[in-house]
Amino acid sequence: MTRSNAREIAIHIVFTLGFDSRSAKEVLEAELTRERFHELAEELPLYEQFPNEKQEKYIRELVQGVFAHGPELDDYISRYSVGWAFARIPRMAAAVMRTSMYEILYMPDIPNAAAINEAVEIAKKYEPAEVVSFVNGILGTFVRTEFENTPPKPEKKTAQEEDE
C-alpha cells in the first residue's frame, strides 16, 4: 500500500465521522480491521491490501488529528471559501480539505505542495471538476496566506508571451 492509498483511506474514515456519533478512536477500531478491509475490497480495490504498521499509524494519526482539530480546520475552510457557505461544500470535499490542512499544519514531514497535490488527486476521484478547482483554490490560498515563507504561485504566461 502506498502513502497515497493510506491517505485516501484516512479521508474515507474522516468522511465517515461526519455521519457518525462515535469518536475517531471508535470508528478507527471498527474500520481498520482485516475483516472490514476484506468486506470493502469486494467493491473498492483501494481496500485490497491492509496497511502495514507504519501506514496504519499514519492513518490513525491523520484521522484522530482531523477529529481533534475539526472546529479549527472547518474555520479555515469557511474563512477561505469566499462565496460558498460551509453547508454547501460537498462532504467528501470537506473531508479532503480537512485532511490536507491537518497535514499542512501538524505534519511537518509532509511538504505543503505534496499535501495539496494529493488532496486534489483524491478529490478528482469523488467530485466534479468545479469542486476539485474549489478544493485546489482553497488549499492554495490557505498555504499562501497562513505560511508567509511559501513562494508565490508562478504567473501563467499567455500564448503570446511564450512566443516572444
N, C-alpha and C. Protein backbone atom coordinates (compact mmCIF):
# COMPACT_ATOMS: atom_id res chain seq x y z
N MET A 1 0.85 -1.18 0.00
CA MET A 1 0.00 0.00 0.00
C MET A 1 0.89 1.24 0.00
N THR A 2 0.52 2.21 -0.82
CA THR A 2 1.28 3.45 -0.88
C THR A 2 0.77 4.44 0.17
N ARG A 3 1.55 5.47 0.41
CA ARG A 3 1.10 6.52 1.33
C ARG A 3 -0.14 7.20 0.76
N SER A 4 -0.21 7.34 -0.56
CA SER A 4 -1.40 7.94 -1.19
C SER A 4 -2.64 7.12 -0.87
N ASN A 5 -2.53 5.80 -0.93
CA ASN A 5 -3.67 4.94 -0.61
C ASN A 5 -4.03 5.06 0.87
N ALA A 6 -3.01 5.12 1.74
CA ALA A 6 -3.27 5.28 3.17
C ALA A 6 -3.98 6.60 3.43
N ARG A 7 -3.56 7.66 2.74
CA ARG A 7 -4.19 8.98 2.88
C ARG A 7 -5.65 8.91 2.43
N GLU A 8 -5.92 8.24 1.31
CA GLU A 8 -7.28 8.13 0.82
C GLU A 8 -8.17 7.34 1.78
N ILE A 9 -7.63 6.31 2.38
CA ILE A 9 -8.37 5.54 3.39
C ILE A 9 -8.67 6.44 4.59
N ALA A 10 -7.68 7.23 5.02
CA ALA A 10 -7.90 8.16 6.13
C ALA A 10 -9.03 9.13 5.78
N ILE A 11 -9.05 9.61 4.55
CA ILE A 11 -10.11 10.55 4.12
C ILE A 11 -11.46 9.85 4.16
N HIS A 12 -11.53 8.59 3.74
CA HIS A 12 -12.79 7.84 3.83
C HIS A 12 -13.28 7.79 5.28
N ILE A 13 -12.35 7.56 6.20
CA ILE A 13 -12.74 7.46 7.61
C ILE A 13 -13.14 8.83 8.15
N VAL A 14 -12.42 9.89 7.75
CA VAL A 14 -12.80 11.25 8.14
C VAL A 14 -14.20 11.56 7.60
N PHE A 15 -14.48 11.15 6.38
CA PHE A 15 -15.80 11.33 5.77
C PHE A 15 -16.86 10.61 6.62
N THR A 16 -16.56 9.38 7.00
CA THR A 16 -17.48 8.58 7.82
C THR A 16 -17.79 9.27 9.14
N LEU A 17 -16.80 9.92 9.74
CA LEU A 17 -17.00 10.62 11.01
C LEU A 17 -18.07 11.70 10.92
N GLY A 18 -18.26 12.25 9.72
CA GLY A 18 -19.27 13.27 9.53
C GLY A 18 -20.69 12.76 9.67
N PHE A 19 -20.86 11.45 9.63
CA PHE A 19 -22.19 10.83 9.72
C PHE A 19 -22.35 9.99 10.98
N ASP A 20 -21.36 10.01 11.83
CA ASP A 20 -21.28 9.07 12.94
C ASP A 20 -21.16 9.80 14.26
N SER A 21 -21.78 9.29 15.29
CA SER A 21 -21.69 9.91 16.61
C SER A 21 -20.54 9.33 17.43
N ARG A 22 -19.88 8.30 16.89
CA ARG A 22 -18.76 7.70 17.62
C ARG A 22 -17.52 8.59 17.55
N SER A 23 -16.59 8.34 18.44
CA SER A 23 -15.32 9.07 18.43
C SER A 23 -14.45 8.53 17.30
N ALA A 24 -13.39 9.27 17.00
CA ALA A 24 -12.45 8.84 15.97
C ALA A 24 -11.86 7.48 16.34
N LYS A 25 -11.53 7.32 17.61
CA LYS A 25 -10.93 6.06 18.05
C LYS A 25 -11.89 4.90 17.83
N GLU A 26 -13.17 5.10 18.16
CA GLU A 26 -14.16 4.03 17.97
C GLU A 26 -14.34 3.68 16.49
N VAL A 27 -14.39 4.71 15.64
CA VAL A 27 -14.55 4.47 14.20
C VAL A 27 -13.31 3.76 13.65
N LEU A 28 -12.14 4.20 14.08
CA LEU A 28 -10.90 3.54 13.63
C LEU A 28 -10.87 2.07 14.03
N GLU A 29 -11.30 1.77 15.26
CA GLU A 29 -11.31 0.38 15.72
C GLU A 29 -12.25 -0.47 14.87
N ALA A 30 -13.33 0.12 14.40
CA ALA A 30 -14.29 -0.61 13.56
C ALA A 30 -13.82 -0.72 12.11
N GLU A 31 -13.17 0.32 11.60
CA GLU A 31 -12.82 0.38 10.17
C GLU A 31 -11.45 -0.20 9.84
N LEU A 32 -10.51 -0.10 10.77
CA LEU A 32 -9.14 -0.57 10.50
C LEU A 32 -8.95 -2.00 10.98
N THR A 33 -9.74 -2.91 10.39
CA THR A 33 -9.59 -4.33 10.69
C THR A 33 -9.46 -5.08 9.37
N ARG A 34 -8.81 -6.21 9.42
CA ARG A 34 -8.67 -7.04 8.21
C ARG A 34 -10.04 -7.47 7.70
N GLU A 35 -10.96 -7.74 8.61
CA GLU A 35 -12.30 -8.17 8.21
C GLU A 35 -13.02 -7.07 7.44
N ARG A 36 -12.93 -5.84 7.95
CA ARG A 36 -13.58 -4.70 7.29
C ARG A 36 -12.95 -4.44 5.92
N PHE A 37 -11.64 -4.54 5.84
CA PHE A 37 -10.96 -4.35 4.56
C PHE A 37 -11.41 -5.41 3.56
N HIS A 38 -11.55 -6.66 4.03
CA HIS A 38 -12.00 -7.75 3.16
C HIS A 38 -13.39 -7.45 2.62
N GLU A 39 -14.29 -6.95 3.48
CA GLU A 39 -15.65 -6.59 3.04
C GLU A 39 -15.61 -5.48 1.99
N LEU A 40 -14.83 -4.44 2.26
CA LEU A 40 -14.78 -3.28 1.37
C LEU A 40 -14.05 -3.58 0.06
N ALA A 41 -13.10 -4.50 0.09
CA ALA A 41 -12.30 -4.82 -1.10
C ALA A 41 -13.14 -5.38 -2.24
N GLU A 42 -14.29 -5.96 -1.90
CA GLU A 42 -15.16 -6.51 -2.94
C GLU A 42 -15.66 -5.42 -3.87
N GLU A 43 -15.83 -4.19 -3.35
CA GLU A 43 -16.32 -3.08 -4.16
C GLU A 43 -15.26 -2.02 -4.44
N LEU A 44 -14.28 -1.89 -3.57
CA LEU A 44 -13.26 -0.85 -3.70
C LEU A 44 -11.86 -1.46 -3.69
N PRO A 45 -11.18 -1.46 -4.83
CA PRO A 45 -9.82 -2.02 -4.89
C PRO A 45 -8.84 -1.37 -3.90
N LEU A 46 -9.13 -0.15 -3.49
CA LEU A 46 -8.29 0.56 -2.52
C LEU A 46 -8.07 -0.27 -1.25
N TYR A 47 -9.05 -1.11 -0.91
CA TYR A 47 -9.01 -1.88 0.34
C TYR A 47 -8.47 -3.31 0.17
N GLU A 48 -7.90 -3.60 -1.00
CA GLU A 48 -7.39 -4.96 -1.24
C GLU A 48 -6.18 -5.29 -0.37
N GLN A 49 -5.42 -4.28 0.01
CA GLN A 49 -4.23 -4.51 0.82
C GLN A 49 -4.40 -3.82 2.17
N PHE A 50 -4.17 -4.57 3.24
CA PHE A 50 -4.27 -3.99 4.59
C PHE A 50 -2.98 -3.21 4.87
N PRO A 51 -3.09 -2.05 5.53
CA PRO A 51 -1.89 -1.24 5.79
C PRO A 51 -0.90 -1.94 6.71
N ASN A 52 0.39 -1.68 6.45
CA ASN A 52 1.41 -2.20 7.36
C ASN A 52 1.41 -1.31 8.62
N GLU A 53 2.26 -1.60 9.55
CA GLU A 53 2.27 -0.90 10.83
C GLU A 53 2.48 0.61 10.66
N LYS A 54 3.42 0.99 9.81
CA LYS A 54 3.72 2.41 9.58
C LYS A 54 2.53 3.11 8.93
N GLN A 55 1.91 2.47 7.95
CA GLN A 55 0.76 3.07 7.26
C GLN A 55 -0.44 3.17 8.20
N GLU A 56 -0.64 2.15 9.02
CA GLU A 56 -1.75 2.18 9.97
C GLU A 56 -1.56 3.31 10.98
N LYS A 57 -0.33 3.50 11.44
CA LYS A 57 -0.03 4.60 12.36
C LYS A 57 -0.34 5.94 11.71
N TYR A 58 0.05 6.09 10.44
CA TYR A 58 -0.21 7.32 9.68
C TYR A 58 -1.72 7.57 9.55
N ILE A 59 -2.48 6.55 9.20
CA ILE A 59 -3.94 6.67 9.07
C ILE A 59 -4.54 7.10 10.41
N ARG A 60 -4.13 6.42 11.47
CA ARG A 60 -4.67 6.75 12.80
C ARG A 60 -4.33 8.19 13.19
N GLU A 61 -3.09 8.60 12.96
CA GLU A 61 -2.69 9.97 13.31
C GLU A 61 -3.51 10.99 12.53
N LEU A 62 -3.69 10.76 11.24
CA LEU A 62 -4.49 11.68 10.43
C LEU A 62 -5.93 11.77 10.92
N VAL A 63 -6.57 10.63 11.08
CA VAL A 63 -7.99 10.62 11.46
C VAL A 63 -8.18 11.23 12.84
N GLN A 64 -7.37 10.83 13.80
CA GLN A 64 -7.52 11.36 15.16
C GLN A 64 -7.18 12.85 15.19
N GLY A 65 -6.18 13.27 14.41
CA GLY A 65 -5.82 14.68 14.35
C GLY A 65 -6.91 15.52 13.74
N VAL A 66 -7.48 15.06 12.64
CA VAL A 66 -8.58 15.79 12.00
C VAL A 66 -9.76 15.87 12.95
N PHE A 67 -10.06 14.77 13.62
CA PHE A 67 -11.18 14.74 14.57
C PHE A 67 -10.93 15.74 15.71
N ALA A 68 -9.73 15.73 16.26
CA ALA A 68 -9.40 16.60 17.39
C ALA A 68 -9.38 18.08 17.00
N HIS A 69 -9.01 18.38 15.77
CA HIS A 69 -8.88 19.76 15.31
C HIS A 69 -10.02 20.17 14.37
N GLY A 70 -11.10 19.41 14.36
CA GLY A 70 -12.21 19.66 13.44
C GLY A 70 -12.71 21.09 13.40
N PRO A 71 -13.04 21.69 14.54
CA PRO A 71 -13.55 23.07 14.51
C PRO A 71 -12.52 24.06 13.92
N GLU A 72 -11.25 23.88 14.26
CA GLU A 72 -10.20 24.76 13.72
C GLU A 72 -10.10 24.59 12.21
N LEU A 73 -10.10 23.35 11.73
CA LEU A 73 -9.98 23.09 10.30
C LEU A 73 -11.20 23.62 9.55
N ASP A 74 -12.38 23.43 10.11
CA ASP A 74 -13.60 23.95 9.48
C ASP A 74 -13.59 25.48 9.44
N ASP A 75 -13.02 26.10 10.47
CA ASP A 75 -12.91 27.55 10.48
C ASP A 75 -12.02 28.03 9.33
N TYR A 76 -10.90 27.36 9.10
CA TYR A 76 -10.03 27.71 7.98
C TYR A 76 -10.78 27.55 6.65
N ILE A 77 -11.48 26.43 6.51
CA ILE A 77 -12.23 26.20 5.26
C ILE A 77 -13.25 27.32 5.06
N SER A 78 -14.00 27.66 6.09
CA SER A 78 -15.00 28.72 5.99
C SER A 78 -14.36 30.06 5.66
N ARG A 79 -13.23 30.34 6.28
CA ARG A 79 -12.54 31.61 6.07
C ARG A 79 -12.10 31.79 4.61
N TYR A 80 -11.65 30.70 3.99
CA TYR A 80 -11.11 30.80 2.63
C TYR A 80 -12.10 30.42 1.54
N SER A 81 -13.28 29.99 1.89
CA SER A 81 -14.26 29.59 0.88
C SER A 81 -15.19 30.76 0.57
N VAL A 82 -14.62 31.79 0.00
CA VAL A 82 -15.36 33.00 -0.34
C VAL A 82 -16.47 32.64 -1.34
N GLY A 83 -17.68 33.03 -0.99
CA GLY A 83 -18.80 32.78 -1.87
C GLY A 83 -19.46 31.41 -1.70
N TRP A 84 -18.93 30.59 -0.82
CA TRP A 84 -19.51 29.26 -0.57
C TRP A 84 -19.82 29.16 0.92
N ALA A 85 -21.05 28.93 1.27
CA ALA A 85 -21.40 28.65 2.66
C ALA A 85 -20.86 27.26 2.99
N PHE A 86 -20.36 27.08 4.20
CA PHE A 86 -19.77 25.78 4.56
C PHE A 86 -20.75 24.64 4.30
N ALA A 87 -22.02 24.86 4.59
CA ALA A 87 -23.04 23.82 4.40
C ALA A 87 -23.18 23.40 2.93
N ARG A 88 -22.76 24.27 2.02
CA ARG A 88 -22.86 23.99 0.58
C ARG A 88 -21.69 23.12 0.08
N ILE A 89 -20.63 23.05 0.83
CA ILE A 89 -19.44 22.29 0.41
C ILE A 89 -19.75 20.80 0.51
N PRO A 90 -19.53 20.05 -0.57
CA PRO A 90 -19.77 18.60 -0.50
C PRO A 90 -18.95 17.96 0.63
N ARG A 91 -19.56 16.99 1.29
CA ARG A 91 -18.90 16.38 2.47
C ARG A 91 -17.57 15.72 2.14
N MET A 92 -17.47 15.11 0.97
CA MET A 92 -16.18 14.49 0.62
C MET A 92 -15.13 15.57 0.39
N ALA A 93 -15.49 16.67 -0.25
CA ALA A 93 -14.55 17.77 -0.45
C ALA A 93 -14.09 18.33 0.89
N ALA A 94 -15.02 18.47 1.84
CA ALA A 94 -14.65 18.95 3.17
C ALA A 94 -13.69 17.97 3.85
N ALA A 95 -13.95 16.67 3.73
CA ALA A 95 -13.06 15.67 4.33
C ALA A 95 -11.67 15.74 3.72
N VAL A 96 -11.60 15.94 2.41
CA VAL A 96 -10.31 16.06 1.72
C VAL A 96 -9.56 17.30 2.22
N MET A 97 -10.27 18.44 2.30
CA MET A 97 -9.61 19.67 2.74
C MET A 97 -9.19 19.60 4.21
N ARG A 98 -10.04 19.04 5.06
CA ARG A 98 -9.68 18.91 6.48
C ARG A 98 -8.39 18.09 6.63
N THR A 99 -8.34 16.99 5.91
CA THR A 99 -7.17 16.10 6.00
C THR A 99 -5.92 16.80 5.49
N SER A 100 -6.01 17.46 4.36
CA SER A 100 -4.86 18.16 3.81
C SER A 100 -4.39 19.28 4.73
N MET A 101 -5.34 20.05 5.25
CA MET A 101 -4.98 21.15 6.16
C MET A 101 -4.34 20.61 7.44
N TYR A 102 -4.83 19.48 7.92
CA TYR A 102 -4.20 18.90 9.10
C TYR A 102 -2.75 18.53 8.80
N GLU A 103 -2.51 17.91 7.64
CA GLU A 103 -1.13 17.56 7.26
C GLU A 103 -0.26 18.81 7.19
N ILE A 104 -0.79 19.87 6.57
CA ILE A 104 -0.02 21.11 6.41
C ILE A 104 0.31 21.73 7.76
N LEU A 105 -0.66 21.74 8.65
CA LEU A 105 -0.48 22.39 9.95
C LEU A 105 0.31 21.55 10.97
N TYR A 106 0.12 20.24 10.95
CA TYR A 106 0.61 19.42 12.07
C TYR A 106 1.55 18.28 11.69
N MET A 107 1.83 18.11 10.40
CA MET A 107 2.74 17.03 10.00
C MET A 107 3.88 17.64 9.16
N PRO A 108 4.88 18.20 9.83
CA PRO A 108 5.93 18.93 9.12
C PRO A 108 6.76 18.09 8.14
N ASP A 109 6.71 16.77 8.29
CA ASP A 109 7.47 15.91 7.36
C ASP A 109 6.80 15.81 5.99
N ILE A 110 5.57 16.30 5.87
CA ILE A 110 4.86 16.27 4.59
C ILE A 110 4.90 17.67 3.99
N PRO A 111 5.56 17.83 2.84
CA PRO A 111 5.61 19.15 2.21
C PRO A 111 4.21 19.66 1.87
N ASN A 112 4.02 20.97 2.03
CA ASN A 112 2.72 21.57 1.74
C ASN A 112 2.25 21.24 0.33
N ALA A 113 3.15 21.35 -0.64
CA ALA A 113 2.77 21.09 -2.03
C ALA A 113 2.31 19.65 -2.21
N ALA A 114 2.95 18.72 -1.51
CA ALA A 114 2.54 17.30 -1.62
C ALA A 114 1.16 17.10 -1.01
N ALA A 115 0.89 17.74 0.12
CA ALA A 115 -0.42 17.61 0.77
C ALA A 115 -1.52 18.15 -0.15
N ILE A 116 -1.25 19.28 -0.80
CA ILE A 116 -2.25 19.87 -1.70
C ILE A 116 -2.42 19.00 -2.94
N ASN A 117 -1.33 18.59 -3.54
CA ASN A 117 -1.40 17.77 -4.75
C ASN A 117 -2.17 16.47 -4.50
N GLU A 118 -1.87 15.82 -3.40
CA GLU A 118 -2.57 14.58 -3.05
C GLU A 118 -4.06 14.84 -2.83
N ALA A 119 -4.38 15.93 -2.16
CA ALA A 119 -5.78 16.27 -1.92
C ALA A 119 -6.52 16.47 -3.24
N VAL A 120 -5.90 17.17 -4.16
CA VAL A 120 -6.53 17.42 -5.46
C VAL A 120 -6.72 16.11 -6.22
N GLU A 121 -5.71 15.25 -6.21
CA GLU A 121 -5.83 13.97 -6.92
C GLU A 121 -6.94 13.10 -6.33
N ILE A 122 -7.05 13.09 -5.01
CA ILE A 122 -8.11 12.31 -4.37
C ILE A 122 -9.48 12.94 -4.67
N ALA A 123 -9.56 14.26 -4.61
CA ALA A 123 -10.83 14.94 -4.90
C ALA A 123 -11.31 14.62 -6.31
N LYS A 124 -10.39 14.48 -7.26
CA LYS A 124 -10.75 14.17 -8.65
C LYS A 124 -11.51 12.85 -8.75
N LYS A 125 -11.27 11.94 -7.82
CA LYS A 125 -11.94 10.63 -7.86
C LYS A 125 -13.39 10.70 -7.40
N TYR A 126 -13.73 11.75 -6.65
CA TYR A 126 -15.04 11.79 -6.00
C TYR A 126 -15.89 13.00 -6.34
N GLU A 127 -15.29 14.03 -6.89
CA GLU A 127 -16.01 15.29 -7.09
C GLU A 127 -15.89 15.76 -8.55
N PRO A 128 -16.87 16.55 -9.00
CA PRO A 128 -16.79 17.13 -10.35
C PRO A 128 -15.67 18.18 -10.43
N ALA A 129 -15.28 18.53 -11.63
CA ALA A 129 -14.14 19.43 -11.87
C ALA A 129 -14.25 20.75 -11.13
N GLU A 130 -15.46 21.34 -11.07
CA GLU A 130 -15.57 22.65 -10.40
C GLU A 130 -15.31 22.54 -8.90
N VAL A 131 -15.66 21.41 -8.30
CA VAL A 131 -15.38 21.22 -6.87
C VAL A 131 -13.89 20.96 -6.66
N VAL A 132 -13.27 20.23 -7.58
CA VAL A 132 -11.82 19.98 -7.49
C VAL A 132 -11.07 21.31 -7.57
N SER A 133 -11.49 22.19 -8.49
CA SER A 133 -10.87 23.51 -8.61
C SER A 133 -11.05 24.31 -7.33
N PHE A 134 -12.23 24.20 -6.74
CA PHE A 134 -12.53 24.88 -5.48
C PHE A 134 -11.58 24.38 -4.38
N VAL A 135 -11.44 23.07 -4.26
CA VAL A 135 -10.54 22.47 -3.25
C VAL A 135 -9.12 22.97 -3.46
N ASN A 136 -8.65 22.94 -4.70
CA ASN A 136 -7.30 23.39 -5.02
C ASN A 136 -7.12 24.87 -4.66
N GLY A 137 -8.11 25.69 -5.00
CA GLY A 137 -8.03 27.11 -4.70
C GLY A 137 -8.01 27.40 -3.21
N ILE A 138 -8.87 26.72 -2.47
CA ILE A 138 -8.93 26.92 -1.01
C ILE A 138 -7.59 26.54 -0.38
N LEU A 139 -7.08 25.37 -0.74
CA LEU A 139 -5.83 24.90 -0.13
C LEU A 139 -4.64 25.78 -0.52
N GLY A 140 -4.59 26.19 -1.78
CA GLY A 140 -3.50 27.07 -2.23
C GLY A 140 -3.53 28.41 -1.51
N THR A 141 -4.71 29.02 -1.41
CA THR A 141 -4.85 30.30 -0.72
C THR A 141 -4.53 30.15 0.76
N PHE A 142 -4.98 29.07 1.35
CA PHE A 142 -4.69 28.78 2.76
C PHE A 142 -3.18 28.77 3.01
N VAL A 143 -2.45 28.03 2.18
CA VAL A 143 -1.00 27.92 2.39
C VAL A 143 -0.31 29.26 2.14
N ARG A 144 -0.66 29.94 1.05
CA ARG A 144 -0.02 31.23 0.75
C ARG A 144 -0.31 32.28 1.82
N THR A 145 -1.49 32.25 2.40
CA THR A 145 -1.87 33.24 3.41
C THR A 145 -1.32 32.90 4.79
N GLU A 146 -1.42 31.65 5.18
CA GLU A 146 -1.03 31.25 6.53
C GLU A 146 0.47 31.03 6.70
N PHE A 147 1.16 30.77 5.60
CA PHE A 147 2.60 30.48 5.67
C PHE A 147 3.31 31.45 4.74
N GLU A 148 3.77 32.54 5.30
CA GLU A 148 4.37 33.62 4.50
C GLU A 148 5.61 33.18 3.73
N ASN A 149 6.30 32.14 4.20
CA ASN A 149 7.52 31.70 3.53
C ASN A 149 7.24 30.84 2.30
N THR A 150 5.96 30.62 1.99
CA THR A 150 5.61 29.85 0.81
C THR A 150 5.78 30.74 -0.41
N PRO A 151 6.57 30.29 -1.40
CA PRO A 151 6.75 31.14 -2.57
C PRO A 151 5.43 31.35 -3.31
N PRO A 152 5.26 32.53 -3.93
CA PRO A 152 4.03 32.77 -4.67
C PRO A 152 3.93 31.85 -5.87
N LYS A 153 2.71 31.62 -6.29
CA LYS A 153 2.46 30.79 -7.45
C LYS A 153 3.01 31.50 -8.68
N PRO A 154 3.73 30.78 -9.56
CA PRO A 154 4.25 31.46 -10.76
C PRO A 154 3.10 31.92 -11.65
N GLU A 155 3.31 33.06 -12.28
CA GLU A 155 2.31 33.59 -13.21
C GLU A 155 2.28 32.72 -14.45
N LYS A 156 1.09 32.45 -14.93
CA LYS A 156 0.96 31.69 -16.18
C LYS A 156 1.20 32.64 -17.34
N LYS A 157 2.01 32.21 -18.27
CA LYS A 157 2.27 33.03 -19.45
C LYS A 157 1.15 32.82 -20.47
N THR A 158 0.83 33.89 -21.15
CA THR A 158 -0.14 33.75 -22.23
C THR A 158 0.56 33.14 -23.43
N ALA A 159 -0.18 32.67 -24.39
CA ALA A 159 0.41 32.07 -25.59
C ALA A 159 1.29 33.09 -26.30
N GLN A 160 0.88 34.37 -26.30
CA GLN A 160 1.64 35.42 -26.97
C GLN A 160 2.99 35.63 -26.27
N GLU A 161 2.99 35.64 -24.92
CA GLU A 161 4.23 35.81 -24.17
C GLU A 161 5.19 34.67 -24.40
N GLU A 162 4.65 33.43 -24.51
CA GLU A 162 5.52 32.28 -24.75
C GLU A 162 6.17 32.35 -26.13
N ASP A 163 5.48 32.95 -27.11
CA ASP A 163 6.03 33.06 -28.46
C ASP A 163 7.13 34.11 -28.55
N GLU A 164 7.16 35.06 -27.62
CA GLU A 164 8.13 36.15 -27.68
C GLU A 164 9.50 35.73 -27.25
